[in-house]
């Protein structure tokens, strides 16, 4: 199967998002095991499973399964709400290990929303 360069770039950006999201959630899980508190209000195990689901649905979308596009769009909406909007609206510093934890979660997930949108549009 020959992929257009734009789809390859969009897929690469989505892979970067998944890698960043996985890394962040694994760091949060390790922090939780050390201190009893995750870096963000998101359960890190749920975050890891969710990132794997994004990777799987993106791979299925790129391989041509149209129903995977619907799944990927649904996941994009969840990330936009839970990963960006809820972190923006949650101004309670006690919910985060540090202010940088909150900012990092917002930045990573905003990047993910853009990467998923790019994959869906190519």
PDB file of N, CA and C in Angstrom:
ATOM      1  N   UNK A   1       0.846  -1.176   0.000  1.00  0.00           N
ATOM      2  CA  UNK A   1       0.000   0.000   0.000  1.00  0.00           C
ATOM      3  C   UNK A   1       0.893   1.242   0.000  1.00  0.00           C
ATOM      4  N   UNK A   2       0.616   2.155  -0.923  1.00  0.00           N
ATOM      5  CA  UNK A   2       1.412   3.373  -1.059  1.00  0.00           C
ATOM      6  C   UNK A   2       0.690   4.525  -0.351  1.00  0.00           C
ATOM      7  N   UNK A   3       1.359   5.113   0.631  1.00  0.00           N
ATOM      8  CA  UNK A   3       0.751   6.184   1.410  1.00  0.00           C
ATOM      9  C   UNK A   3       1.230   7.540   0.914  1.00  0.00           C
ATOM     10  N   UNK A   4       0.318   8.506   0.780  1.00  0.00           N
ATOM     11  CA  UNK A   4       0.727   9.861   0.393  1.00  0.00           C
ATOM     12  C   UNK A   4       1.600  10.489   1.485  1.00  0.00           C
ATOM     13  N   UNK A   5       2.536  11.357   1.088  1.00  0.00           N
ATOM     14  CA  UNK A   5       3.431  11.983   2.075  1.00  0.00           C
ATOM     15  C   UNK A   5       2.693  12.715   3.195  1.00  0.00           C
ATOM     16  N   UNK A   6       1.571  13.357   2.884  1.00  0.00           N
ATOM     17  CA  UNK A   6       0.815  14.071   3.929  1.00  0.00           C
ATOM     18  C   UNK A   6       0.290  13.116   4.989  1.00  0.00           C
ATOM     19  N   UNK A   7      -0.161  11.938   4.554  1.00  0.00           N
ATOM     20  CA  UNK A   7      -0.655  10.948   5.512  1.00  0.00           C
ATOM     21  C   UNK A   7       0.493  10.396   6.353  1.00  0.00           C
ATOM     22  N   UNK A   8       1.652  10.217   5.728  1.00  0.00           N
ATOM     23  CA  UNK A   8       2.822   9.753   6.483  1.00  0.00           C
ATOM     24  C   UNK A   8       3.211  10.771   7.552  1.00  0.00           C
ATOM     25  N   UNK A   9       3.210  12.046   7.184  1.00  0.00           N
ATOM     26  CA  UNK A   9       3.549  13.098   8.149  1.00  0.00           C
ATOM     27  C   UNK A   9       2.518  13.148   9.278  1.00  0.00           C
ATOM     28  N   UNK A  10       1.243  13.118   8.918  1.00  0.00           N
ATOM     29  CA  UNK A  10       0.187  13.153   9.937  1.00  0.00           C
ATOM     30  C   UNK A  10       0.292  11.943  10.862  1.00  0.00           C
ATOM     31  N   UNK A  11       0.571  10.784  10.293  1.00  0.00           N
ATOM     32  CA  UNK A  11       0.712   9.568  11.102  1.00  0.00           C
ATOM     33  C   UNK A  11       1.923   9.652  12.011  1.00  0.00           C
ATOM     34  N   UNK A  12       3.010  10.227  11.505  1.00  0.00           N
ATOM     35  CA  UNK A  12       4.211  10.395  12.332  1.00  0.00           C
ATOM     36  C   UNK A  12       3.923  11.328  13.509  1.00  0.00           C
ATOM     37  N   UNK A  13       3.193  12.401  13.258  1.00  0.00           N
ATOM     38  CA  UNK A  13       2.834  13.325  14.339  1.00  0.00           C
ATOM     39  C   UNK A  13       1.950  12.632  15.376  1.00  0.00           C
ATOM     40  N   UNK A  14       1.049  11.789  14.906  1.00  0.00           N
ATOM     41  CA  UNK A  14       0.192  11.059  15.842  1.00  0.00           C
ATOM     42  C   UNK A  14       1.013  10.060  16.660  1.00  0.00           C
ATOM     43  N   UNK A  15       2.017   9.449  16.027  1.00  0.00           N
ATOM     44  CA  UNK A  15       2.915   8.545  16.770  1.00  0.00           C
ATOM     45  C   UNK A  15       3.674   9.311  17.854  1.00  0.00           C
ATOM     46  N   UNK A  16       4.084  10.532  17.539  1.00  0.00           N
ATOM     47  CA  UNK A  16       4.765  11.366  18.538  1.00  0.00           C
ATOM     48  C   UNK A  16       3.816  11.639  19.706  1.00  0.00           C
ATOM     49  N   UNK A  17       2.563  11.963  19.396  1.00  0.00           N
ATOM     50  CA  UNK A  17       1.578  12.202  20.456  1.00  0.00           C
ATOM     51  C   UNK A  17       1.396  10.970  21.338  1.00  0.00           C
ATOM     52  N   UNK A  18       1.234   9.813  20.711  1.00  0.00           N
ATOM     53  CA  UNK A  18       1.042   8.582  21.487  1.00  0.00           C
ATOM     54  C   UNK A  18       2.259   8.328  22.373  1.00  0.00           C
ATOM     55  N   UNK A  19       3.458   8.534  21.819  1.00  0.00           N
ATOM     56  CA  UNK A  19       4.680   8.327  22.612  1.00  0.00           C
ATOM     57  C   UNK A  19       4.741   9.301  23.790  1.00  0.00           C
ATOM     58  N   UNK A  20       4.421  10.566  23.543  1.00  0.00           N
ATOM     59  CA  UNK A  20       4.420  11.559  24.625  1.00  0.00           C
ATOM     60  C   UNK A  20       3.362  11.231  25.675  1.00  0.00           C
ATOM     61  N   UNK A  21       2.181  10.842  25.214  1.00  0.00           N
ATOM     62  CA  UNK A  21       1.105  10.497  26.135  1.00  0.00           C
ATOM     63  C   UNK A  21       1.429   9.269  26.970  1.00  0.00           C
ATOM     64  N   UNK A  22       2.005   8.264  26.322  1.00  0.00           N
ATOM     65  CA  UNK A  22       2.407   7.055  27.063  1.00  0.00           C
ATOM     66  C   UNK A  22       3.472   7.400  28.101  1.00  0.00           C
ATOM     67  N   UNK A  23       4.466   8.167  27.674  1.00  0.00           N
ATOM     68  CA  UNK A  23       5.555   8.540  28.588  1.00  0.00           C
ATOM     69  C   UNK A  23       5.008   9.313  29.789  1.00  0.00           C
ATOM     70  N   UNK A  24       4.148  10.267  29.518  1.00  0.00           N
ATOM     71  CA  UNK A  24       3.576  11.077  30.590  1.00  0.00           C
ATOM     72  C   UNK A  24       2.761  10.219  31.562  1.00  0.00           C
ATOM     73  N   UNK A  25       1.972   9.299  31.022  1.00  0.00           N
ATOM     74  CA  UNK A  25       1.163   8.438  31.891  1.00  0.00           C
ATOM     75  C   UNK A  25       2.017   7.445  32.672  1.00  0.00           C
ATOM     76  N   UNK A  26       3.089   6.924  32.064  1.00  0.00           N
ATOM     77  CA  UNK A  26       3.990   6.038  32.809  1.00  0.00           C
ATOM     78  C   UNK A  26       4.717   6.810  33.909  1.00  0.00           C
ATOM     79  N   UNK A  27       5.119   8.053  33.612  1.00  0.00           N
ATOM     80  CA  UNK A  27       5.739   8.882  34.651  1.00  0.00           C
ATOM     81  C   UNK A  27       4.758   9.123  35.796  1.00  0.00           C
ATOM     82  N   UNK A  28       3.509   9.383  35.443  1.00  0.00           N
ATOM     83  CA  UNK A  28       2.485   9.616  36.455  1.00  0.00           C
ATOM     84  C   UNK A  28       2.258   8.356  37.292  1.00  0.00           C
ATOM     85  N   UNK A  29       2.268   7.198  36.640  1.00  0.00           N
ATOM     86  CA  UNK A  29       2.095   5.933  37.357  1.00  0.00           C
ATOM     87  C   UNK A  29       3.251   5.694  38.330  1.00  0.00           C
ATOM     88  N   UNK A  30       4.473   5.943  37.871  1.00  0.00           N
ATOM     89  CA  UNK A  30       5.636   5.787  38.752  1.00  0.00           C
ATOM     90  C   UNK A  30       5.573   6.770  39.916  1.00  0.00           C
ATOM     91  N   UNK A  31       5.191   8.003  39.628  1.00  0.00           N
ATOM     92  CA  UNK A  31       5.048   9.019  40.675  1.00  0.00           C
ATOM     93  C   UNK A  31       3.980   8.597  41.682  1.00  0.00           C
ATOM     94  N   UNK A  32       2.889   8.042  41.169  1.00  0.00           N
ATOM     95  CA  UNK A  32       1.800   7.583  42.037  1.00  0.00           C
ATOM     96  C   UNK A  32       2.270   6.443  42.943  1.00  0.00           C
ATOM     97  N   UNK A  33       3.062   5.545  42.392  1.00  0.00           N
ATOM     98  CA  UNK A  33       3.559   4.423  43.205  1.00  0.00           C
ATOM     99  C   UNK A  33       4.551   4.885  44.264  1.00  0.00           C
ATOM    100  N   UNK A  34       5.316   5.939  43.949  1.00  0.00           N
ATOM    101  CA  UNK A  34       6.290   6.467  44.914  1.00  0.00           C
ATOM    102  C   UNK A  34       5.643   7.325  45.985  1.00  0.00           C
ATOM    103  N   UNK A  35       4.680   8.158  45.570  1.00  0.00           N
ATOM    104  CA  UNK A  35       4.144   9.169  46.488  1.00  0.00           C
ATOM    105  C   UNK A  35       2.683   8.941  46.884  1.00  0.00           C
ATOM    106  N   UNK A  36       1.996   8.049  46.178  1.00  0.00           N
ATOM    107  CA  UNK A  36       0.575   7.842  46.438  1.00  0.00           C
ATOM    108  C   UNK A  36      -0.319   8.806  45.688  1.00  0.00           C
ATOM    109  N   UNK A  37       0.272   9.632  44.835  1.00  0.00           N
ATOM    110  CA  UNK A  37      -0.483  10.665  44.109  1.00  0.00           C
ATOM    111  C   UNK A  37      -0.002  10.738  42.663  1.00  0.00           C
ATOM    112  N   UNK A  38      -0.939  10.711  41.718  1.00  0.00           N
ATOM    113  CA  UNK A  38      -0.596  10.840  40.302  1.00  0.00           C
ATOM    114  C   UNK A  38      -0.219  12.285  39.989  1.00  0.00           C
ATOM    115  N   UNK A  39       0.407  12.496  38.842  1.00  0.00           N
ATOM    116  CA  UNK A  39       0.803  13.850  38.442  1.00  0.00           C
ATOM    117  C   UNK A  39      -0.397  14.719  38.073  1.00  0.00           C
ATOM    118  N   UNK A  40      -1.455  14.083  37.553  1.00  0.00           N
ATOM    119  CA  UNK A  40      -2.671  14.798  37.160  1.00  0.00           C
ATOM    120  C   UNK A  40      -3.875  14.037  37.705  1.00  0.00           C
ATOM    121  N   UNK A  41      -5.077  14.613  37.604  1.00  0.00           N
ATOM    122  CA  UNK A  41      -6.267  13.907  38.096  1.00  0.00           C
ATOM    123  C   UNK A  41      -6.617  12.653  37.285  1.00  0.00           C
ATOM    124  N   UNK A  42      -6.002  12.484  36.131  1.00  0.00           N
ATOM    125  CA  UNK A  42      -6.289  11.328  35.277  1.00  0.00           C
ATOM    126  C   UNK A  42      -5.621  10.084  35.853  1.00  0.00           C
ATOM    127  N   UNK A  43      -6.374   8.986  35.934  1.00  0.00           N
ATOM    128  CA  UNK A  43      -5.801   7.712  36.357  1.00  0.00           C
ATOM    129  C   UNK A  43      -4.767   7.293  35.308  1.00  0.00           C
ATOM    130  N   UNK A  44      -3.492   7.122  35.682  1.00  0.00           N
ATOM    131  CA  UNK A  44      -2.468   6.829  34.690  1.00  0.00           C
ATOM    132  C   UNK A  44      -2.678   5.509  33.946  1.00  0.00           C
ATOM    133  N   UNK A  45      -3.232   4.506  34.597  1.00  0.00           N
ATOM    134  CA  UNK A  45      -3.488   3.233  33.904  1.00  0.00           C
ATOM    135  C   UNK A  45      -4.552   3.437  32.828  1.00  0.00           C
ATOM    136  N   UNK A  46      -5.589   4.185  33.155  1.00  0.00           N
ATOM    137  CA  UNK A  46      -6.614   4.513  32.165  1.00  0.00           C
ATOM    138  C   UNK A  46      -5.993   5.290  31.009  1.00  0.00           C
ATOM    139  N   UNK A  47      -5.102   6.222  31.316  1.00  0.00           N
ATOM    140  CA  UNK A  47      -4.424   6.996  30.281  1.00  0.00           C
ATOM    141  C   UNK A  47      -3.585   6.130  29.361  1.00  0.00           C
ATOM    142  N   UNK A  48      -2.891   5.154  29.918  1.00  0.00           N
ATOM    143  CA  UNK A  48      -2.060   4.251  29.115  1.00  0.00           C
ATOM    144  C   UNK A  48      -2.938   3.419  28.177  1.00  0.00           C
ATOM    145  N   UNK A  49      -4.020   2.870  28.702  1.00  0.00           N
ATOM    146  CA  UNK A  49      -4.941   2.077  27.877  1.00  0.00           C
ATOM    147  C   UNK A  49      -5.557   2.953  26.788  1.00  0.00           C
ATOM    148  N   UNK A  50      -5.918   4.171  27.134  1.00  0.00           N
ATOM    149  CA  UNK A  50      -6.515   5.096  26.171  1.00  0.00           C
ATOM    150  C   UNK A  50      -5.532   5.429  25.050  1.00  0.00           C
ATOM    151  N   UNK A  51      -4.270   5.640  25.398  1.00  0.00           N
ATOM    152  CA  UNK A  51      -3.263   5.938  24.371  1.00  0.00           C
ATOM    153  C   UNK A  51      -3.081   4.743  23.434  1.00  0.00           C
ATOM    154  N   UNK A  52      -3.107   3.539  23.976  1.00  0.00           N
ATOM    155  CA  UNK A  52      -3.000   2.337  23.139  1.00  0.00           C
ATOM    156  C   UNK A  52      -4.201   2.231  22.196  1.00  0.00           C
ATOM    157  N   UNK A  53      -5.375   2.594  22.683  1.00  0.00           N
ATOM    158  CA  UNK A  53      -6.581   2.577  21.855  1.00  0.00           C
ATOM    159  C   UNK A  53      -6.480   3.604  20.725  1.00  0.00           C
ATOM    160  N   UNK A  54      -5.920   4.757  21.012  1.00  0.00           N
ATOM    161  CA  UNK A  54      -5.708   5.765  19.967  1.00  0.00           C
ATOM    162  C   UNK A  54      -4.757   5.223  18.909  1.00  0.00           C
ATOM    163  N   UNK A  55      -3.660   4.615  19.332  1.00  0.00           N
ATOM    164  CA  UNK A  55      -2.690   4.061  18.380  1.00  0.00           C
ATOM    165  C   UNK A  55      -3.338   2.989  17.508  1.00  0.00           C
ATOM    166  N   UNK A  56      -4.103   2.104  18.122  1.00  0.00           N
ATOM    167  CA  UNK A  56      -4.763   1.034  17.372  1.00  0.00           C
ATOM    168  C   UNK A  56      -5.780   1.595  16.386  1.00  0.00           C
ATOM    169  N   UNK A  57      -6.606   2.518  16.822  1.00  0.00           N
ATOM    170  CA  UNK A  57      -7.629   3.065  15.926  1.00  0.00           C
ATOM    171  C   UNK A  57      -6.998   3.870  14.797  1.00  0.00           C
ATOM    172  N   UNK A  58      -5.901   4.557  15.067  1.00  0.00           N
ATOM    173  CA  UNK A  58      -5.210   5.298  14.007  1.00  0.00           C
ATOM    174  C   UNK A  58      -4.620   4.337  12.979  1.00  0.00           C
ATOM    175  N   UNK A  59      -4.028   3.245  13.449  1.00  0.00           N
ATOM    176  CA  UNK A  59      -3.468   2.252  12.522  1.00  0.00           C
ATOM    177  C   UNK A  59      -4.568   1.645  11.653  1.00  0.00           C
ATOM    178  N   UNK A  60      -5.702   1.349  12.251  1.00  0.00           N
ATOM    179  CA  UNK A  60      -6.824   0.794  11.487  1.00  0.00           C
ATOM    180  C   UNK A  60      -7.373   1.817  10.497  1.00  0.00           C
ATOM    181  N   UNK A  61      -7.427   3.074  10.905  1.00  0.00           N
ATOM    182  CA  UNK A  61      -7.893   4.144  10.012  1.00  0.00           C
ATOM    183  C   UNK A  61      -6.966   4.263   8.807  1.00  0.00           C
ATOM    184  N   UNK A  62      -5.663   4.297   9.063  1.00  0.00           N
ATOM    185  CA  UNK A  62      -4.683   4.454   7.983  1.00  0.00           C
ATOM    186  C   UNK A  62      -4.713   3.243   7.048  1.00  0.00           C
ATOM    187  N   UNK A  63      -5.015   2.071   7.590  1.00  0.00           N
ATOM    188  CA  UNK A  63      -5.064   0.874   6.745  1.00  0.00           C
ATOM    189  C   UNK A  63      -6.328   0.813   5.889  1.00  0.00           C
ATOM    190  N   UNK A  64      -7.239   1.754   6.095  1.00  0.00           N
ATOM    191  CA  UNK A  64      -8.391   1.854   5.216  1.00  0.00           C
ATOM    192  C   UNK A  64      -9.718   1.416   5.797  1.00  0.00           C
ATOM    193  N   UNK A  65      -9.751   1.005   7.043  1.00  0.00           N
ATOM    194  CA  UNK A  65     -11.022   0.620   7.658  1.00  0.00           C
ATOM    195  C   UNK A  65     -11.807   1.879   8.029  1.00  0.00           C
ATOM    196  N   UNK A  66     -12.901   2.110   7.333  1.00  0.00           N
ATOM    197  CA  UNK A  66     -13.656   3.353   7.497  1.00  0.00           C
ATOM    198  C   UNK A  66     -14.280   3.485   8.884  1.00  0.00           C
ATOM    199  N   UNK A  67     -14.726   2.382   9.490  1.00  0.00           N
ATOM    200  CA  UNK A  67     -15.326   2.481  10.820  1.00  0.00           C
ATOM    201  C   UNK A  67     -14.306   2.959  11.839  1.00  0.00           C
ATOM    202  N   UNK A  68     -13.029   2.724  11.553  1.00  0.00           N
ATOM    203  CA  UNK A  68     -11.982   3.185  12.467  1.00  0.00           C
ATOM    204  C   UNK A  68     -11.915   4.712  12.472  1.00  0.00           C
ATOM    205  N   UNK A  69     -12.334   5.330  11.372  1.00  0.00           N
ATOM    206  CA  UNK A  69     -12.371   6.794  11.319  1.00  0.00           C
ATOM    207  C   UNK A  69     -13.374   7.342  12.329  1.00  0.00           C
ATOM    208  N   UNK A  70     -14.503   6.677  12.445  1.00  0.00           N
ATOM    209  CA  UNK A  70     -15.520   7.094  13.413  1.00  0.00           C
ATOM    210  C   UNK A  70     -14.974   6.932  14.832  1.00  0.00           C
ATOM    211  N   UNK A  71     -14.308   5.804  15.079  1.00  0.00           N
ATOM    212  CA  UNK A  71     -13.710   5.566  16.393  1.00  0.00           C
ATOM    213  C   UNK A  71     -12.652   6.623  16.697  1.00  0.00           C
ATOM    214  N   UNK A  72     -11.783   6.898  15.721  1.00  0.00           N
ATOM    215  CA  UNK A  72     -10.730   7.892  15.934  1.00  0.00           C
ATOM    216  C   UNK A  72     -11.327   9.276  16.183  1.00  0.00           C
ATOM    217  N   UNK A  73     -12.387   9.618  15.462  1.00  0.00           N
ATOM    218  CA  UNK A  73     -13.047  10.902  15.696  1.00  0.00           C
ATOM    219  C   UNK A  73     -13.628  10.958  17.111  1.00  0.00           C
ATOM    220  N   UNK A  74     -14.236   9.877  17.550  1.00  0.00           N
ATOM    221  CA  UNK A  74     -14.758   9.824  18.920  1.00  0.00           C
ATOM    222  C   UNK A  74     -13.658   9.996  19.949  1.00  0.00           C
ATOM    223  N   UNK A  75     -12.525   9.356  19.719  1.00  0.00           N
ATOM    224  CA  UNK A  75     -11.389   9.495  20.633  1.00  0.00           C
ATOM    225  C   UNK A  75     -10.854  10.926  20.624  1.00  0.00           C
ATOM    226  N   UNK A  76     -10.845  11.545  19.444  1.00  0.00           N
ATOM    227  CA  UNK A  76     -10.425  12.949  19.344  1.00  0.00           C
ATOM    228  C   UNK A  76     -11.321  13.824  20.223  1.00  0.00           C
ATOM    229  N   UNK A  77     -12.630  13.575  20.177  1.00  0.00           N
ATOM    230  CA  UNK A  77     -13.561  14.375  20.978  1.00  0.00           C
ATOM    231  C   UNK A  77     -13.311  14.166  22.473  1.00  0.00           C
ATOM    232  N   UNK A  78     -13.017  12.939  22.865  1.00  0.00           N
ATOM    233  CA  UNK A  78     -12.730  12.657  24.278  1.00  0.00           C
ATOM    234  C   UNK A  78     -11.465  13.382  24.714  1.00  0.00           C
ATOM    235  N   UNK A  79     -10.415  13.324  23.885  1.00  0.00           N
ATOM    236  CA  UNK A  79      -9.159  14.004  24.233  1.00  0.00           C
ATOM    237  C   UNK A  79      -9.379  15.513  24.299  1.00  0.00           C
ATOM    238  N   UNK A  80     -10.158  16.049  23.358  1.00  0.00           N
ATOM    239  CA  UNK A  80     -10.425  17.493  23.364  1.00  0.00           C
ATOM    240  C   UNK A  80     -11.128  17.909  24.655  1.00  0.00           C
ATOM    241  N   UNK A  81     -12.074  17.087  25.110  1.00  0.00           N
ATOM    242  CA  UNK A  81     -12.809  17.441  26.328  1.00  0.00           C
ATOM    243  C   UNK A  81     -12.019  17.106  27.594  1.00  0.00           C
ATOM    244  N   UNK A  82     -11.665  15.833  27.742  1.00  0.00           N
ATOM    245  CA  UNK A  82     -11.012  15.388  28.982  1.00  0.00           C
ATOM    246  C   UNK A  82      -9.564  15.859  29.050  1.00  0.00           C
ATOM    247  N   UNK A  83      -8.856  15.772  27.929  1.00  0.00           N
ATOM    248  CA  UNK A  83      -7.427  16.066  27.937  1.00  0.00           C
ATOM    249  C   UNK A  83      -7.065  17.533  27.814  1.00  0.00           C
ATOM    250  N   UNK A  84      -7.966  18.321  27.240  1.00  0.00           N
ATOM    251  CA  UNK A  84      -7.658  19.747  27.077  1.00  0.00           C
ATOM    252  C   UNK A  84      -8.623  20.594  27.908  1.00  0.00           C
ATOM    253  N   UNK A  85      -9.894  20.539  27.578  1.00  0.00           N
ATOM    254  CA  UNK A  85     -10.873  21.429  28.212  1.00  0.00           C
ATOM    255  C   UNK A  85     -10.959  21.225  29.725  1.00  0.00           C
ATOM    256  N   UNK A  86     -11.038  19.974  30.165  1.00  0.00           N
ATOM    257  CA  UNK A  86     -11.145  19.741  31.615  1.00  0.00           C
ATOM    258  C   UNK A  86      -9.895  20.188  32.356  1.00  0.00           C
ATOM    259  N   UNK A  87      -8.716  19.983  31.743  1.00  0.00           N
ATOM    260  CA  UNK A  87      -7.485  20.461  32.390  1.00  0.00           C
ATOM    261  C   UNK A  87      -7.462  21.995  32.428  1.00  0.00           C
ATOM    262  N   UNK A  88      -7.971  22.634  31.370  1.00  0.00           N
ATOM    263  CA  UNK A  88      -8.014  24.099  31.358  1.00  0.00           C
ATOM    264  C   UNK A  88      -8.975  24.639  32.413  1.00  0.00           C
ATOM    265  N   UNK A  89     -10.113  23.979  32.562  1.00  0.00           N
ATOM    266  CA  UNK A  89     -11.125  24.459  33.503  1.00  0.00           C
ATOM    267  C   UNK A  89     -10.811  24.108  34.950  1.00  0.00           C
ATOM    268  N   UNK A  90      -9.985  23.095  35.161  1.00  0.00           N
ATOM    269  CA  UNK A  90      -9.644  22.676  36.523  1.00  0.00           C
ATOM    270  C   UNK A  90      -8.508  23.553  37.040  1.00  0.00           C
ATOM    271  N   UNK A  91      -8.868  24.558  37.784  1.00  0.00           N
ATOM    272  CA  UNK A  91      -7.850  25.472  38.305  1.00  0.00           C
ATOM    273  C   UNK A  91      -7.434  25.114  39.726  1.00  0.00           C
ATOM    274  N   UNK A  92      -7.893  23.962  40.217  1.00  0.00           N
ATOM    275  CA  UNK A  92      -7.548  23.530  41.567  1.00  0.00           C
ATOM    276  C   UNK A  92      -6.123  22.970  41.576  1.00  0.00           C
ATOM    277  N   UNK A  93      -5.180  23.703  42.159  1.00  0.00           N
ATOM    278  CA  UNK A  93      -3.793  23.236  42.154  1.00  0.00           C
ATOM    279  C   UNK A  93      -3.593  21.918  42.896  1.00  0.00           C
ATOM    280  N   UNK A  94      -4.498  21.584  43.806  1.00  0.00           N
ATOM    281  CA  UNK A  94      -4.364  20.334  44.560  1.00  0.00           C
ATOM    282  C   UNK A  94      -4.591  19.103  43.682  1.00  0.00           C
ATOM    283  N   UNK A  95      -5.182  19.293  42.509  1.00  0.00           N
ATOM    284  CA  UNK A  95      -5.434  18.171  41.605  1.00  0.00           C
ATOM    285  C   UNK A  95      -4.190  17.736  40.838  1.00  0.00           C
ATOM    286  N   UNK A  96      -3.153  18.543  40.896  1.00  0.00           N
ATOM    287  CA  UNK A  96      -1.939  18.298  40.112  1.00  0.00           C
ATOM    288  C   UNK A  96      -0.729  18.257  41.036  1.00  0.00           C
ATOM    289  N   UNK A  97       0.263  17.481  40.648  1.00  0.00           N
ATOM    290  CA  UNK A  97       1.486  17.404  41.448  1.00  0.00           C
ATOM    291  C   UNK A  97       2.239  18.731  41.412  1.00  0.00           C
ATOM    292  N   UNK A  98       2.093  19.463  40.304  1.00  0.00           N
ATOM    293  CA  UNK A  98       2.746  20.768  40.162  1.00  0.00           C
ATOM    294  C   UNK A  98       2.047  21.539  39.041  1.00  0.00           C
ATOM    295  N   UNK A  99       2.259  22.861  38.975  1.00  0.00           N
ATOM    296  CA  UNK A  99       1.676  23.624  37.863  1.00  0.00           C
ATOM    297  C   UNK A  99       2.184  23.140  36.503  1.00  0.00           C
ATOM    298  N   UNK A 100       3.430  22.696  36.461  1.00  0.00           N
ATOM    299  CA  UNK A 100       3.969  22.212  35.185  1.00  0.00           C
ATOM    300  C   UNK A 100       3.300  20.911  34.748  1.00  0.00           C
ATOM    301  N   UNK A 101       2.830  20.101  35.689  1.00  0.00           N
ATOM    302  CA  UNK A 101       2.105  18.872  35.332  1.00  0.00           C
ATOM    303  C   UNK A 101       0.832  19.216  34.567  1.00  0.00           C
ATOM    304  N   UNK A 102       0.139  20.225  35.027  1.00  0.00           N
ATOM    305  CA  UNK A 102      -1.095  20.667  34.363  1.00  0.00           C
ATOM    306  C   UNK A 102      -0.797  21.217  32.975  1.00  0.00           C
ATOM    307  N   UNK A 103       0.205  22.075  32.888  1.00  0.00           N
ATOM    308  CA  UNK A 103       0.562  22.677  31.596  1.00  0.00           C
ATOM    309  C   UNK A 103       1.016  21.619  30.601  1.00  0.00           C
ATOM    310  N   UNK A 104       1.782  20.648  31.087  1.00  0.00           N
ATOM    311  CA  UNK A 104       2.268  19.586  30.201  1.00  0.00           C
ATOM    312  C   UNK A 104       1.097  18.747  29.691  1.00  0.00           C
ATOM    313  N   UNK A 105       0.140  18.428  30.552  1.00  0.00           N
ATOM    314  CA  UNK A 105      -1.027  17.644  30.129  1.00  0.00           C
ATOM    315  C   UNK A 105      -1.811  18.384  29.047  1.00  0.00           C
ATOM    316  N   UNK A 106      -2.004  19.669  29.240  1.00  0.00           N
ATOM    317  CA  UNK A 106      -2.735  20.470  28.253  1.00  0.00           C
ATOM    318  C   UNK A 106      -1.976  20.503  26.931  1.00  0.00           C
ATOM    319  N   UNK A 107      -0.682  20.759  26.980  1.00  0.00           N
ATOM    320  CA  UNK A 107       0.120  20.861  25.756  1.00  0.00           C
ATOM    321  C   UNK A 107       0.141  19.542  24.983  1.00  0.00           C
ATOM    322  N   UNK A 108       0.381  18.448  25.682  1.00  0.00           N
ATOM    323  CA  UNK A 108       0.438  17.143  25.013  1.00  0.00           C
ATOM    324  C   UNK A 108      -0.906  16.823  24.365  1.00  0.00           C
ATOM    325  N   UNK A 109      -1.985  17.036  25.087  1.00  0.00           N
ATOM    326  CA  UNK A 109      -3.298  16.683  24.547  1.00  0.00           C
ATOM    327  C   UNK A 109      -3.770  17.632  23.454  1.00  0.00           C
ATOM    328  N   UNK A 110      -3.400  18.889  23.524  1.00  0.00           N
ATOM    329  CA  UNK A 110      -3.718  19.816  22.434  1.00  0.00           C
ATOM    330  C   UNK A 110      -2.985  19.387  21.163  1.00  0.00           C
ATOM    331  N   UNK A 111      -1.727  19.003  21.312  1.00  0.00           N
ATOM    332  CA  UNK A 111      -0.967  18.469  20.182  1.00  0.00           C
ATOM    333  C   UNK A 111      -1.661  17.219  19.630  1.00  0.00           C
ATOM    334  N   UNK A 112      -2.154  16.370  20.517  1.00  0.00           N
ATOM    335  CA  UNK A 112      -2.837  15.150  20.091  1.00  0.00           C
ATOM    336  C   UNK A 112      -4.117  15.421  19.327  1.00  0.00           C
ATOM    337  N   UNK A 113      -4.887  16.394  19.780  1.00  0.00           N
ATOM    338  CA  UNK A 113      -6.118  16.759  19.071  1.00  0.00           C
ATOM    339  C   UNK A 113      -5.774  17.212  17.653  1.00  0.00           C
ATOM    340  N   UNK A 114      -4.756  18.041  17.531  1.00  0.00           N
ATOM    341  CA  UNK A 114      -4.352  18.518  16.204  1.00  0.00           C
ATOM    342  C   UNK A 114      -3.832  17.377  15.337  1.00  0.00           C
ATOM    343  N   UNK A 115      -3.039  16.478  15.916  1.00  0.00           N
ATOM    344  CA  UNK A 115      -2.493  15.350  15.155  1.00  0.00           C
ATOM    345  C   UNK A 115      -3.606  14.410  14.693  1.00  0.00           C
ATOM    346  N   UNK A 116      -4.557  14.112  15.577  1.00  0.00           N
ATOM    347  CA  UNK A 116      -5.670  13.239  15.179  1.00  0.00           C
ATOM    348  C   UNK A 116      -6.526  13.893  14.099  1.00  0.00           C
ATOM    349  N   UNK A 117      -6.768  15.194  14.234  1.00  0.00           N
ATOM    350  CA  UNK A 117      -7.541  15.904  13.213  1.00  0.00           C
ATOM    351  C   UNK A 117      -6.821  15.858  11.873  1.00  0.00           C
ATOM    352  N   UNK A 118      -5.519  16.030  11.896  1.00  0.00           N
ATOM    353  CA  UNK A 118      -4.731  15.981  10.663  1.00  0.00           C
ATOM    354  C   UNK A 118      -4.810  14.600  10.018  1.00  0.00           C
ATOM    355  N   UNK A 119      -4.710  13.553  10.820  1.00  0.00           N
ATOM    356  CA  UNK A 119      -4.826  12.189  10.280  1.00  0.00           C
ATOM    357  C   UNK A 119      -6.207  11.991   9.659  1.00  0.00           C
ATOM    358  N   UNK A 120      -7.236  12.446  10.332  1.00  0.00           N
ATOM    359  CA  UNK A 120      -8.596  12.263   9.819  1.00  0.00           C
ATOM    360  C   UNK A 120      -8.855  13.073   8.549  1.00  0.00           C
ATOM    361  N   UNK A 121      -8.173  14.195   8.406  1.00  0.00           N
ATOM    362  CA  UNK A 121      -8.395  15.059   7.242  1.00  0.00           C
ATOM    363  C   UNK A 121      -7.539  14.694   6.034  1.00  0.00           C
ATOM    364  N   UNK A 122      -6.571  13.781   6.221  1.00  0.00           N
ATOM    365  CA  UNK A 122      -5.711  13.408   5.079  1.00  0.00           C
ATOM    366  C   UNK A 122      -6.139  12.098   4.477  1.00  0.00           C
TER     367      UNK A 122
END
